[in-house]
Amino acid sequence: GVPATQFAAVVLIIVVSALCLIPRDIRTIRSDDIVLTEPGDAVL
């Protein structure tokens, strides 16, 4: 059935996304951690 298939897709999306939260860096990296100077370069 269509609804059952869609509900299964919803569960799969949520489970996979939740697993992506396991690595600590995913949750802690901040937008201001790195300053870009030139393409591919970063400064401390």
ModelCIF file with pLDDT and N, C-alpha, C, O atoms, coordinates in Angstrom:
data_MODEL
#
_entry.id   MODEL 
#
_entity.id                         1 
_entity.type                       polymer 
_entity.pdbx_number_of_molecules   1 
#
_entity_poly.entity_id                      1 
_entity_poly.type                           'polypeptide(L)' 
_entity_poly.nstd_linkage                   no 
_entity_poly.nstd_monomer                   no 
_entity_poly.pdbx_seq_one_letter_code       GVPATQFAAVVLIIVVSALCLIPRDIRTIRSDDIVLTEPGDAVL 
_entity_poly.pdbx_seq_one_letter_code_can   GVPATQFAAVVLIIVVSALCLIPRDIRTIRSDDIVLTEPGDAVL 
_entity_poly.pdbx_strand_id                 A 
#
loop_
_entity_poly_seq.entity_id 
_entity_poly_seq.num 
_entity_poly_seq.mon_id 
_entity_poly_seq.hetero 
1 1  GLY n 
1 2  VAL n 
1 3  PRO n 
1 4  ALA n 
1 5  THR n 
1 6  GLN n 
1 7  PHE n 
1 8  ALA n 
1 9  ALA n 
1 10 VAL n 
1 11 VAL n 
1 12 LEU n 
1 13 ILE n 
1 14 ILE n 
1 15 VAL n 
1 16 VAL n 
1 17 SER n 
1 18 ALA n 
1 19 LEU n 
1 20 CYS n 
1 21 LEU n 
1 22 ILE n 
1 23 PRO n 
1 24 ARG n 
1 25 ASP n 
1 26 ILE n 
1 27 ARG n 
1 28 THR n 
1 29 ILE n 
1 30 ARG n 
1 31 SER n 
1 32 ASP n 
1 33 ASP n 
1 34 ILE n 
1 35 VAL n 
1 36 LEU n 
1 37 THR n 
1 38 GLU n 
1 39 PRO n 
1 40 GLY n 
1 41 ASP n 
1 42 ALA n 
1 43 VAL n 
1 44 LEU n 
#
_struct_asym.id          A 
_struct_asym.entity_id   1 
#
loop_
_ma_qa_metric.id 
_ma_qa_metric.mode 
_ma_qa_metric.name 
_ma_qa_metric.software_group_id 
_ma_qa_metric.type 
1 global pLDDT . pLDDT 
2 local  pLDDT . pLDDT 
#
_ma_qa_metric_global.metric_id      1 
_ma_qa_metric_global.metric_value   80.64 
_ma_qa_metric_global.model_id       1 
_ma_qa_metric_global.ordinal_id     1 
#
loop_
_ma_qa_metric_local.label_asym_id 
_ma_qa_metric_local.label_comp_id 
_ma_qa_metric_local.label_seq_id 
_ma_qa_metric_local.metric_id 
_ma_qa_metric_local.metric_value 
_ma_qa_metric_local.model_id 
_ma_qa_metric_local.ordinal_id 
A GLY 1  2 94.00 1 1  
A VAL 2  2 95.00 1 2  
A PRO 3  2 95.00 1 3  
A ALA 4  2 96.00 1 4  
A THR 5  2 95.00 1 5  
A GLN 6  2 96.00 1 6  
A PHE 7  2 97.00 1 7  
A ALA 8  2 96.00 1 8  
A ALA 9  2 96.00 1 9  
A VAL 10 2 96.00 1 10 
A VAL 11 2 97.00 1 11 
A LEU 12 2 96.00 1 12 
A ILE 13 2 95.00 1 13 
A ILE 14 2 96.00 1 14 
A VAL 15 2 96.00 1 15 
A VAL 16 2 94.00 1 16 
A SER 17 2 94.00 1 17 
A ALA 18 2 94.00 1 18 
A LEU 19 2 94.00 1 19 
A CYS 20 2 91.00 1 20 
A LEU 21 2 92.00 1 21 
A ILE 22 2 93.00 1 22 
A PRO 23 2 90.00 1 23 
A ARG 24 2 90.00 1 24 
A ASP 25 2 86.00 1 25 
A ILE 26 2 86.00 1 26 
A ARG 27 2 85.00 1 27 
A THR 28 2 87.00 1 28 
A ILE 29 2 85.00 1 29 
A ARG 30 2 86.00 1 30 
A SER 31 2 77.00 1 31 
A ASP 32 2 75.00 1 32 
A ASP 33 2 69.00 1 33 
A ILE 34 2 58.00 1 34 
A VAL 35 2 47.00 1 35 
A LEU 36 2 51.00 1 36 
A THR 37 2 43.00 1 37 
A GLU 38 2 52.00 1 38 
A PRO 39 2 51.00 1 39 
A GLY 40 2 48.00 1 40 
A ASP 41 2 52.00 1 41 
A ALA 42 2 49.00 1 42 
A VAL 43 2 47.00 1 43 
A LEU 44 2 46.00 1 44 
#
loop_
_atom_site.group_PDB 
_atom_site.id 
_atom_site.type_symbol 
_atom_site.label_atom_id 
_atom_site.label_alt_id 
_atom_site.label_comp_id 
_atom_site.label_asym_id 
_atom_site.label_entity_id 
_atom_site.label_seq_id 
_atom_site.pdbx_PDB_ins_code 
_atom_site.Cartn_x 
_atom_site.Cartn_y 
_atom_site.Cartn_z 
_atom_site.occupancy 
_atom_site.B_iso_or_equiv 
_atom_site.pdbx_formal_charge 
_atom_site.auth_seq_id 
_atom_site.auth_comp_id 
_atom_site.auth_asym_id 
_atom_site.auth_atom_id 
_atom_site.pdbx_PDB_model_num 
ATOM 1   N N  . GLY A 1 1  ? 0.812  -1.210 0.000  1.00 94.00 ? 1  GLY A N  1 
ATOM 2   C CA . GLY A 1 1  ? 0.000  0.000  0.000  1.00 94.00 ? 1  GLY A CA 1 
ATOM 3   C C  . GLY A 1 1  ? 0.845  1.260  0.000  1.00 94.00 ? 1  GLY A C  1 
ATOM 4   O O  . GLY A 1 1  ? 1.972  1.264  0.496  1.00 94.00 ? 1  GLY A O  1 
ATOM 5   N N  . VAL A 1 2  ? 0.294  2.335  -0.561 1.00 95.00 ? 2  VAL A N  1 
ATOM 6   C CA . VAL A 1 2  ? 1.024  3.598  -0.651 1.00 95.00 ? 2  VAL A CA 1 
ATOM 7   C C  . VAL A 1 2  ? 1.306  4.196  0.724  1.00 95.00 ? 2  VAL A C  1 
ATOM 8   O O  . VAL A 1 2  ? 2.452  4.560  0.988  1.00 95.00 ? 2  VAL A O  1 
ATOM 9   N N  . PRO A 1 3  ? 0.311  4.316  1.620  1.00 95.00 ? 3  PRO A N  1 
ATOM 10  C CA . PRO A 1 3  ? 0.615  4.913  2.929  1.00 95.00 ? 3  PRO A CA 1 
ATOM 11  C C  . PRO A 1 3  ? 1.679  4.141  3.699  1.00 95.00 ? 3  PRO A C  1 
ATOM 12  O O  . PRO A 1 3  ? 2.565  4.750  4.299  1.00 95.00 ? 3  PRO A O  1 
ATOM 13  N N  . ALA A 1 4  ? 1.609  2.819  3.695  1.00 96.00 ? 4  ALA A N  1 
ATOM 14  C CA . ALA A 1 4  ? 2.597  2.022  4.429  1.00 96.00 ? 4  ALA A CA 1 
ATOM 15  C C  . ALA A 1 4  ? 3.998  2.244  3.879  1.00 96.00 ? 4  ALA A C  1 
ATOM 16  O O  . ALA A 1 4  ? 4.962  2.346  4.637  1.00 96.00 ? 4  ALA A O  1 
ATOM 17  N N  . THR A 1 5  ? 4.104  2.319  2.560  1.00 95.00 ? 5  THR A N  1 
ATOM 18  C CA . THR A 1 5  ? 5.412  2.573  1.946  1.00 95.00 ? 5  THR A CA 1 
ATOM 19  C C  . THR A 1 5  ? 5.934  3.943  2.336  1.00 95.00 ? 5  THR A C  1 
ATOM 20  O O  . THR A 1 5  ? 7.121  4.094  2.627  1.00 95.00 ? 5  THR A O  1 
ATOM 21  N N  . GLN A 1 6  ? 5.066  4.938  2.344  1.00 96.00 ? 6  GLN A N  1 
ATOM 22  C CA . GLN A 1 6  ? 5.496  6.279  2.727  1.00 96.00 ? 6  GLN A CA 1 
ATOM 23  C C  . GLN A 1 6  ? 5.874  6.349  4.205  1.00 96.00 ? 6  GLN A C  1 
ATOM 24  O O  . GLN A 1 6  ? 6.853  7.007  4.559  1.00 96.00 ? 6  GLN A O  1 
ATOM 25  N N  . PHE A 1 7  ? 5.123  5.688  5.058  1.00 97.00 ? 7  PHE A N  1 
ATOM 26  C CA . PHE A 1 7  ? 5.488  5.659  6.476  1.00 97.00 ? 7  PHE A CA 1 
ATOM 27  C C  . PHE A 1 7  ? 6.847  4.985  6.669  1.00 97.00 ? 7  PHE A C  1 
ATOM 28  O O  . PHE A 1 7  ? 7.647  5.429  7.493  1.00 97.00 ? 7  PHE A O  1 
ATOM 29  N N  . ALA A 1 8  ? 7.110  3.922  5.919  1.00 96.00 ? 8  ALA A N  1 
ATOM 30  C CA . ALA A 1 8  ? 8.411  3.252  6.009  1.00 96.00 ? 8  ALA A CA 1 
ATOM 31  C C  . ALA A 1 8  ? 9.527  4.194  5.558  1.00 96.00 ? 8  ALA A C  1 
ATOM 32  O O  . ALA A 1 8  ? 10.604 4.214  6.152  1.00 96.00 ? 8  ALA A O  1 
ATOM 33  N N  . ALA A 1 9  ? 9.268  4.972  4.508  1.00 96.00 ? 9  ALA A N  1 
ATOM 34  C CA . ALA A 1 9  ? 10.261 5.942  4.035  1.00 96.00 ? 9  ALA A CA 1 
ATOM 35  C C  . ALA A 1 9  ? 10.531 6.991  5.111  1.00 96.00 ? 9  ALA A C  1 
ATOM 36  O O  . ALA A 1 9  ? 11.679 7.376  5.332  1.00 96.00 ? 9  ALA A O  1 
ATOM 37  N N  . VAL A 1 10 ? 9.478  7.449  5.775  1.00 96.00 ? 10 VAL A N  1 
ATOM 38  C CA . VAL A 1 10 ? 9.631  8.438  6.849  1.00 96.00 ? 10 VAL A CA 1 
ATOM 39  C C  . VAL A 1 10 ? 10.519 7.881  7.960  1.00 96.00 ? 10 VAL A C  1 
ATOM 40  O O  . VAL A 1 10 ? 11.435 8.560  8.422  1.00 96.00 ? 10 VAL A O  1 
ATOM 41  N N  . VAL A 1 11 ? 10.254 6.664  8.384  1.00 97.00 ? 11 VAL A N  1 
ATOM 42  C CA . VAL A 1 11 ? 11.043 6.049  9.456  1.00 97.00 ? 11 VAL A CA 1 
ATOM 43  C C  . VAL A 1 11 ? 12.502 5.915  9.033  1.00 97.00 ? 11 VAL A C  1 
ATOM 44  O O  . VAL A 1 11 ? 13.405 6.201  9.818  1.00 97.00 ? 11 VAL A O  1 
ATOM 45  N N  . LEU A 1 12 ? 12.734 5.484  7.800  1.00 96.00 ? 12 LEU A N  1 
ATOM 46  C CA . LEU A 1 12 ? 14.103 5.305  7.323  1.00 96.00 ? 12 LEU A CA 1 
ATOM 47  C C  . LEU A 1 12 ? 14.855 6.636  7.305  1.00 96.00 ? 12 LEU A C  1 
ATOM 48  O O  . LEU A 1 12 ? 16.012 6.697  7.721  1.00 96.00 ? 12 LEU A O  1 
ATOM 49  N N  . ILE A 1 13 ? 14.213 7.693  6.830  1.00 95.00 ? 13 ILE A N  1 
ATOM 50  C CA . ILE A 1 13 ? 14.850 9.009  6.795  1.00 95.00 ? 13 ILE A CA 1 
ATOM 51  C C  . ILE A 1 13 ? 15.239 9.457  8.206  1.00 95.00 ? 13 ILE A C  1 
ATOM 52  O O  . ILE A 1 13 ? 16.353 9.933  8.430  1.00 95.00 ? 13 ILE A O  1 
ATOM 53  N N  . ILE A 1 14 ? 14.317 9.301  9.147  1.00 96.00 ? 14 ILE A N  1 
ATOM 54  C CA . ILE A 1 14 ? 14.578 9.762  10.515 1.00 96.00 ? 14 ILE A CA 1 
ATOM 55  C C  . ILE A 1 14 ? 15.675 8.932  11.176 1.00 96.00 ? 14 ILE A C  1 
ATOM 56  O O  . ILE A 1 14 ? 16.541 9.485  11.853 1.00 96.00 ? 14 ILE A O  1 
ATOM 57  N N  . VAL A 1 15 ? 15.648 7.613  10.989 1.00 96.00 ? 15 VAL A N  1 
ATOM 58  C CA . VAL A 1 15 ? 16.650 6.744  11.617 1.00 96.00 ? 15 VAL A CA 1 
ATOM 59  C C  . VAL A 1 15 ? 18.042 7.053  11.077 1.00 96.00 ? 15 VAL A C  1 
ATOM 60  O O  . VAL A 1 15 ? 18.992 7.186  11.849 1.00 96.00 ? 15 VAL A O  1 
ATOM 61  N N  . VAL A 1 16 ? 18.165 7.166  9.764  1.00 94.00 ? 16 VAL A N  1 
ATOM 62  C CA . VAL A 1 16 ? 19.483 7.444  9.179  1.00 94.00 ? 16 VAL A CA 1 
ATOM 63  C C  . VAL A 1 16 ? 19.998 8.806  9.643  1.00 94.00 ? 16 VAL A C  1 
ATOM 64  O O  . VAL A 1 16 ? 21.182 8.951  9.949  1.00 94.00 ? 16 VAL A O  1 
ATOM 65  N N  . SER A 1 17 ? 19.120 9.795  9.697  1.00 94.00 ? 17 SER A N  1 
ATOM 66  C CA . SER A 1 17 ? 19.539 11.122 10.159 1.00 94.00 ? 17 SER A CA 1 
ATOM 67  C C  . SER A 1 17 ? 19.962 11.084 11.626 1.00 94.00 ? 17 SER A C  1 
ATOM 68  O O  . SER A 1 17 ? 20.927 11.742 12.016 1.00 94.00 ? 17 SER A O  1 
ATOM 69  N N  . ALA A 1 18 ? 19.239 10.315 12.436 1.00 94.00 ? 18 ALA A N  1 
ATOM 70  C CA . ALA A 1 18 ? 19.613 10.192 13.845 1.00 94.00 ? 18 ALA A CA 1 
ATOM 71  C C  . ALA A 1 18 ? 20.983 9.547  13.993 1.00 94.00 ? 18 ALA A C  1 
ATOM 72  O O  . ALA A 1 18 ? 21.770 9.958  14.846 1.00 94.00 ? 18 ALA A O  1 
ATOM 73  N N  . LEU A 1 19 ? 21.278 8.545  13.176 1.00 94.00 ? 19 LEU A N  1 
ATOM 74  C CA . LEU A 1 19 ? 22.591 7.895  13.230 1.00 94.00 ? 19 LEU A CA 1 
ATOM 75  C C  . LEU A 1 19 ? 23.707 8.867  12.868 1.00 94.00 ? 19 LEU A C  1 
ATOM 76  O O  . LEU A 1 19 ? 24.824 8.755  13.372 1.00 94.00 ? 19 LEU A O  1 
ATOM 77  N N  . CYS A 1 20 ? 23.399 9.826  11.989 1.00 91.00 ? 20 CYS A N  1 
ATOM 78  C CA . CYS A 1 20 ? 24.415 10.808 11.607 1.00 91.00 ? 20 CYS A CA 1 
ATOM 79  C C  . CYS A 1 20 ? 24.787 11.733 12.755 1.00 91.00 ? 20 CYS A C  1 
ATOM 80  O O  . CYS A 1 20 ? 25.813 12.410 12.691 1.00 91.00 ? 20 CYS A O  1 
ATOM 81  N N  . LEU A 1 21 ? 23.979 11.775 13.798 1.00 92.00 ? 21 LEU A N  1 
ATOM 82  C CA . LEU A 1 21 ? 24.275 12.625 14.951 1.00 92.00 ? 21 LEU A CA 1 
ATOM 83  C C  . LEU A 1 21 ? 25.250 11.981 15.927 1.00 92.00 ? 21 LEU A C  1 
ATOM 84  O O  . LEU A 1 21 ? 25.680 12.630 16.880 1.00 92.00 ? 21 LEU A O  1 
ATOM 85  N N  . ILE A 1 22 ? 25.604 10.730 15.711 1.00 93.00 ? 22 ILE A N  1 
ATOM 86  C CA . ILE A 1 22 ? 26.474 10.034 16.655 1.00 93.00 ? 22 ILE A CA 1 
ATOM 87  C C  . ILE A 1 22 ? 27.861 10.661 16.744 1.00 93.00 ? 22 ILE A C  1 
ATOM 88  O O  . ILE A 1 22 ? 28.339 10.883 17.856 1.00 93.00 ? 22 ILE A O  1 
ATOM 89  N N  . PRO A 1 23 ? 28.538 10.960 15.621 1.00 90.00 ? 23 PRO A N  1 
ATOM 90  C CA . PRO A 1 23 ? 29.867 11.583 15.752 1.00 90.00 ? 23 PRO A CA 1 
ATOM 91  C C  . PRO A 1 23 ? 29.768 12.943 16.453 1.00 90.00 ? 23 PRO A C  1 
ATOM 92  O O  . PRO A 1 23 ? 28.932 13.773 16.096 1.00 90.00 ? 23 PRO A O  1 
ATOM 93  N N  . ARG A 1 24 ? 30.615 13.157 17.439 1.00 90.00 ? 24 ARG A N  1 
ATOM 94  C CA . ARG A 1 24 ? 30.549 14.385 18.232 1.00 90.00 ? 24 ARG A CA 1 
ATOM 95  C C  . ARG A 1 24 ? 30.755 15.628 17.378 1.00 90.00 ? 24 ARG A C  1 
ATOM 96  O O  . ARG A 1 24 ? 30.099 16.646 17.600 1.00 90.00 ? 24 ARG A O  1 
ATOM 97  N N  . ASP A 1 25 ? 31.665 15.559 16.395 1.00 86.00 ? 25 ASP A N  1 
ATOM 98  C CA . ASP A 1 25 ? 31.964 16.733 15.576 1.00 86.00 ? 25 ASP A CA 1 
ATOM 99  C C  . ASP A 1 25 ? 30.736 17.237 14.827 1.00 86.00 ? 25 ASP A C  1 
ATOM 100 O O  . ASP A 1 25 ? 30.609 18.437 14.584 1.00 86.00 ? 25 ASP A O  1 
ATOM 101 N N  . ILE A 1 26 ? 29.841 16.340 14.463 1.00 86.00 ? 26 ILE A N  1 
ATOM 102 C CA . ILE A 1 26 ? 28.622 16.759 13.761 1.00 86.00 ? 26 ILE A CA 1 
ATOM 103 C C  . ILE A 1 26 ? 27.848 17.747 14.621 1.00 86.00 ? 26 ILE A C  1 
ATOM 104 O O  . ILE A 1 26 ? 27.250 18.693 14.108 1.00 86.00 ? 26 ILE A O  1 
ATOM 105 N N  . ARG A 1 27 ? 27.863 17.525 15.927 1.00 85.00 ? 27 ARG A N  1 
ATOM 106 C CA . ARG A 1 27 ? 27.081 18.363 16.848 1.00 85.00 ? 27 ARG A CA 1 
ATOM 107 C C  . ARG A 1 27 ? 27.829 19.583 17.364 1.00 85.00 ? 27 ARG A C  1 
ATOM 108 O O  . ARG A 1 27 ? 27.214 20.492 17.921 1.00 85.00 ? 27 ARG A O  1 
ATOM 109 N N  . THR A 1 28 ? 29.153 19.617 17.187 1.00 87.00 ? 28 THR A N  1 
ATOM 110 C CA . THR A 1 28 ? 29.928 20.682 17.829 1.00 87.00 ? 28 THR A CA 1 
ATOM 111 C C  . THR A 1 28 ? 30.593 21.653 16.870 1.00 87.00 ? 28 THR A C  1 
ATOM 112 O O  . THR A 1 28 ? 30.937 22.760 17.285 1.00 87.00 ? 28 THR A O  1 
ATOM 113 N N  . ILE A 1 29 ? 30.791 21.295 15.611 1.00 85.00 ? 29 ILE A N  1 
ATOM 114 C CA . ILE A 1 29 ? 31.438 22.206 14.663 1.00 85.00 ? 29 ILE A CA 1 
ATOM 115 C C  . ILE A 1 29 ? 30.628 23.492 14.556 1.00 85.00 ? 29 ILE A C  1 
ATOM 116 O O  . ILE A 1 29 ? 29.408 23.463 14.390 1.00 85.00 ? 29 ILE A O  1 
ATOM 117 N N  . ARG A 1 30 ? 31.329 24.624 14.654 1.00 86.00 ? 30 ARG A N  1 
ATOM 118 C CA . ARG A 1 30 ? 30.672 25.925 14.620 1.00 86.00 ? 30 ARG A CA 1 
ATOM 119 C C  . ARG A 1 30 ? 31.032 26.659 13.331 1.00 86.00 ? 30 ARG A C  1 
ATOM 120 O O  . ARG A 1 30 ? 32.067 26.399 12.717 1.00 86.00 ? 30 ARG A O  1 
ATOM 121 N N  . SER A 1 31 ? 30.170 27.566 12.944 1.00 77.00 ? 31 SER A N  1 
ATOM 122 C CA . SER A 1 31 ? 30.374 28.292 11.690 1.00 77.00 ? 31 SER A CA 1 
ATOM 123 C C  . SER A 1 31 ? 31.564 29.232 11.751 1.00 77.00 ? 31 SER A C  1 
ATOM 124 O O  . SER A 1 31 ? 32.107 29.592 10.706 1.00 77.00 ? 31 SER A O  1 
ATOM 125 N N  . ASP A 1 32 ? 31.990 29.643 12.943 1.00 75.00 ? 32 ASP A N  1 
ATOM 126 C CA . ASP A 1 32 ? 33.090 30.593 13.061 1.00 75.00 ? 32 ASP A CA 1 
ATOM 127 C C  . ASP A 1 32 ? 34.399 29.927 13.460 1.00 75.00 ? 32 ASP A C  1 
ATOM 128 O O  . ASP A 1 32 ? 35.321 30.609 13.909 1.00 75.00 ? 32 ASP A O  1 
ATOM 129 N N  . ASP A 1 33 ? 34.502 28.601 13.304 1.00 69.00 ? 33 ASP A N  1 
ATOM 130 C CA . ASP A 1 33 ? 35.723 27.900 13.682 1.00 69.00 ? 33 ASP A CA 1 
ATOM 131 C C  . ASP A 1 33 ? 36.883 28.184 12.739 1.00 69.00 ? 33 ASP A C  1 
ATOM 132 O O  . ASP A 1 33 ? 38.038 28.210 13.164 1.00 69.00 ? 33 ASP A O  1 
ATOM 133 N N  . ILE A 1 34 ? 36.581 28.398 11.457 1.00 58.00 ? 34 ILE A N  1 
ATOM 134 C CA . ILE A 1 34 ? 37.623 28.553 10.448 1.00 58.00 ? 34 ILE A CA 1 
ATOM 135 C C  . ILE A 1 34 ? 37.365 29.829 9.668  1.00 58.00 ? 34 ILE A C  1 
ATOM 136 O O  . ILE A 1 34 ? 36.226 30.135 9.315  1.00 58.00 ? 34 ILE A O  1 
ATOM 137 N N  . VAL A 1 35 ? 38.437 30.574 9.401  1.00 47.00 ? 35 VAL A N  1 
ATOM 138 C CA . VAL A 1 35 ? 38.333 31.783 8.589  1.00 47.00 ? 35 VAL A CA 1 
ATOM 139 C C  . VAL A 1 35 ? 38.970 31.495 7.245  1.00 47.00 ? 35 VAL A C  1 
ATOM 140 O O  . VAL A 1 35 ? 40.148 31.143 7.180  1.00 47.00 ? 35 VAL A O  1 
ATOM 141 N N  . LEU A 1 36 ? 38.218 31.638 6.188  1.00 51.00 ? 36 LEU A N  1 
ATOM 142 C CA . LEU A 1 36 ? 38.719 31.366 4.844  1.00 51.00 ? 36 LEU A CA 1 
ATOM 143 C C  . LEU A 1 36 ? 39.473 32.581 4.327  1.00 51.00 ? 36 LEU A C  1 
ATOM 144 O O  . LEU A 1 36 ? 38.964 33.701 4.369  1.00 51.00 ? 36 LEU A O  1 
ATOM 145 N N  . THR A 1 37 ? 40.704 32.354 3.835  1.00 43.00 ? 37 THR A N  1 
ATOM 146 C CA . THR A 1 37 ? 41.461 33.443 3.242  1.00 43.00 ? 37 THR A CA 1 
ATOM 147 C C  . THR A 1 37 ? 41.451 33.347 1.724  1.00 43.00 ? 37 THR A C  1 
ATOM 148 O O  . THR A 1 37 ? 41.088 34.299 1.033  1.00 43.00 ? 37 THR A O  1 
ATOM 149 N N  . GLU A 1 38 ? 41.850 32.200 1.219  1.00 52.00 ? 38 GLU A N  1 
ATOM 150 C CA . GLU A 1 38 ? 41.779 31.935 -0.207 1.00 52.00 ? 38 GLU A CA 1 
ATOM 151 C C  . GLU A 1 38 ? 41.143 30.570 -0.373 1.00 52.00 ? 38 GLU A C  1 
ATOM 152 O O  . GLU A 1 38 ? 41.132 29.785 0.576  1.00 52.00 ? 38 GLU A O  1 
ATOM 153 N N  . PRO A 1 39 ? 40.605 30.254 -1.565 1.00 51.00 ? 39 PRO A N  1 
ATOM 154 C CA . PRO A 1 39 ? 39.957 28.951 -1.734 1.00 51.00 ? 39 PRO A CA 1 
ATOM 155 C C  . PRO A 1 39 ? 40.846 27.806 -1.270 1.00 51.00 ? 39 PRO A C  1 
ATOM 156 O O  . PRO A 1 39 ? 41.966 27.638 -1.752 1.00 51.00 ? 39 PRO A O  1 
ATOM 157 N N  . GLY A 1 40 ? 40.336 27.028 -0.334 1.00 48.00 ? 40 GLY A N  1 
ATOM 158 C CA . GLY A 1 40 ? 41.062 25.871 0.164  1.00 48.00 ? 40 GLY A CA 1 
ATOM 159 C C  . GLY A 1 40 ? 41.999 26.169 1.313  1.00 48.00 ? 40 GLY A C  1 
ATOM 160 O O  . GLY A 1 40 ? 42.573 25.244 1.889  1.00 48.00 ? 40 GLY A O  1 
ATOM 161 N N  . ASP A 1 41 ? 42.175 27.453 1.670  1.00 52.00 ? 41 ASP A N  1 
ATOM 162 C CA . ASP A 1 41 ? 43.086 27.819 2.749  1.00 52.00 ? 41 ASP A CA 1 
ATOM 163 C C  . ASP A 1 41 ? 42.315 28.243 3.971  1.00 52.00 ? 41 ASP A C  1 
ATOM 164 O O  . ASP A 1 41 ? 41.225 28.805 3.859  1.00 52.00 ? 41 ASP A O  1 
ATOM 165 N N  . ALA A 1 42 ? 42.869 27.979 5.138  1.00 49.00 ? 42 ALA A N  1 
ATOM 166 C CA . ALA A 1 42 ? 42.264 28.418 6.381  1.00 49.00 ? 42 ALA A CA 1 
ATOM 167 C C  . ALA A 1 42 ? 43.371 28.880 7.308  1.00 49.00 ? 42 ALA A C  1 
ATOM 168 O O  . ALA A 1 42 ? 44.508 28.424 7.192  1.00 49.00 ? 42 ALA A O  1 
ATOM 169 N N  . VAL A 1 43 ? 43.054 29.769 8.214  1.00 47.00 ? 43 VAL A N  1 
ATOM 170 C CA . VAL A 1 43 ? 44.041 30.262 9.172  1.00 47.00 ? 43 VAL A CA 1 
ATOM 171 C C  . VAL A 1 43 ? 43.607 29.862 10.563 1.00 47.00 ? 43 VAL A C  1 
ATOM 172 O O  . VAL A 1 43 ? 42.423 29.649 10.825 1.00 47.00 ? 43 VAL A O  1 
ATOM 173 N N  . LEU A 1 44 ? 44.596 29.763 11.469 1.00 46.00 ? 44 LEU A N  1 
ATOM 174 C CA . LEU A 1 44 ? 44.279 29.427 12.851 1.00 46.00 ? 44 LEU A CA 1 
ATOM 175 C C  . LEU A 1 44 ? 43.537 30.584 13.493 1.00 46.00 ? 44 LEU A C  1 
ATOM 176 O O  . LEU A 1 44 ? 43.173 30.508 14.666 1.00 46.00 ? 44 LEU A O  1 
#
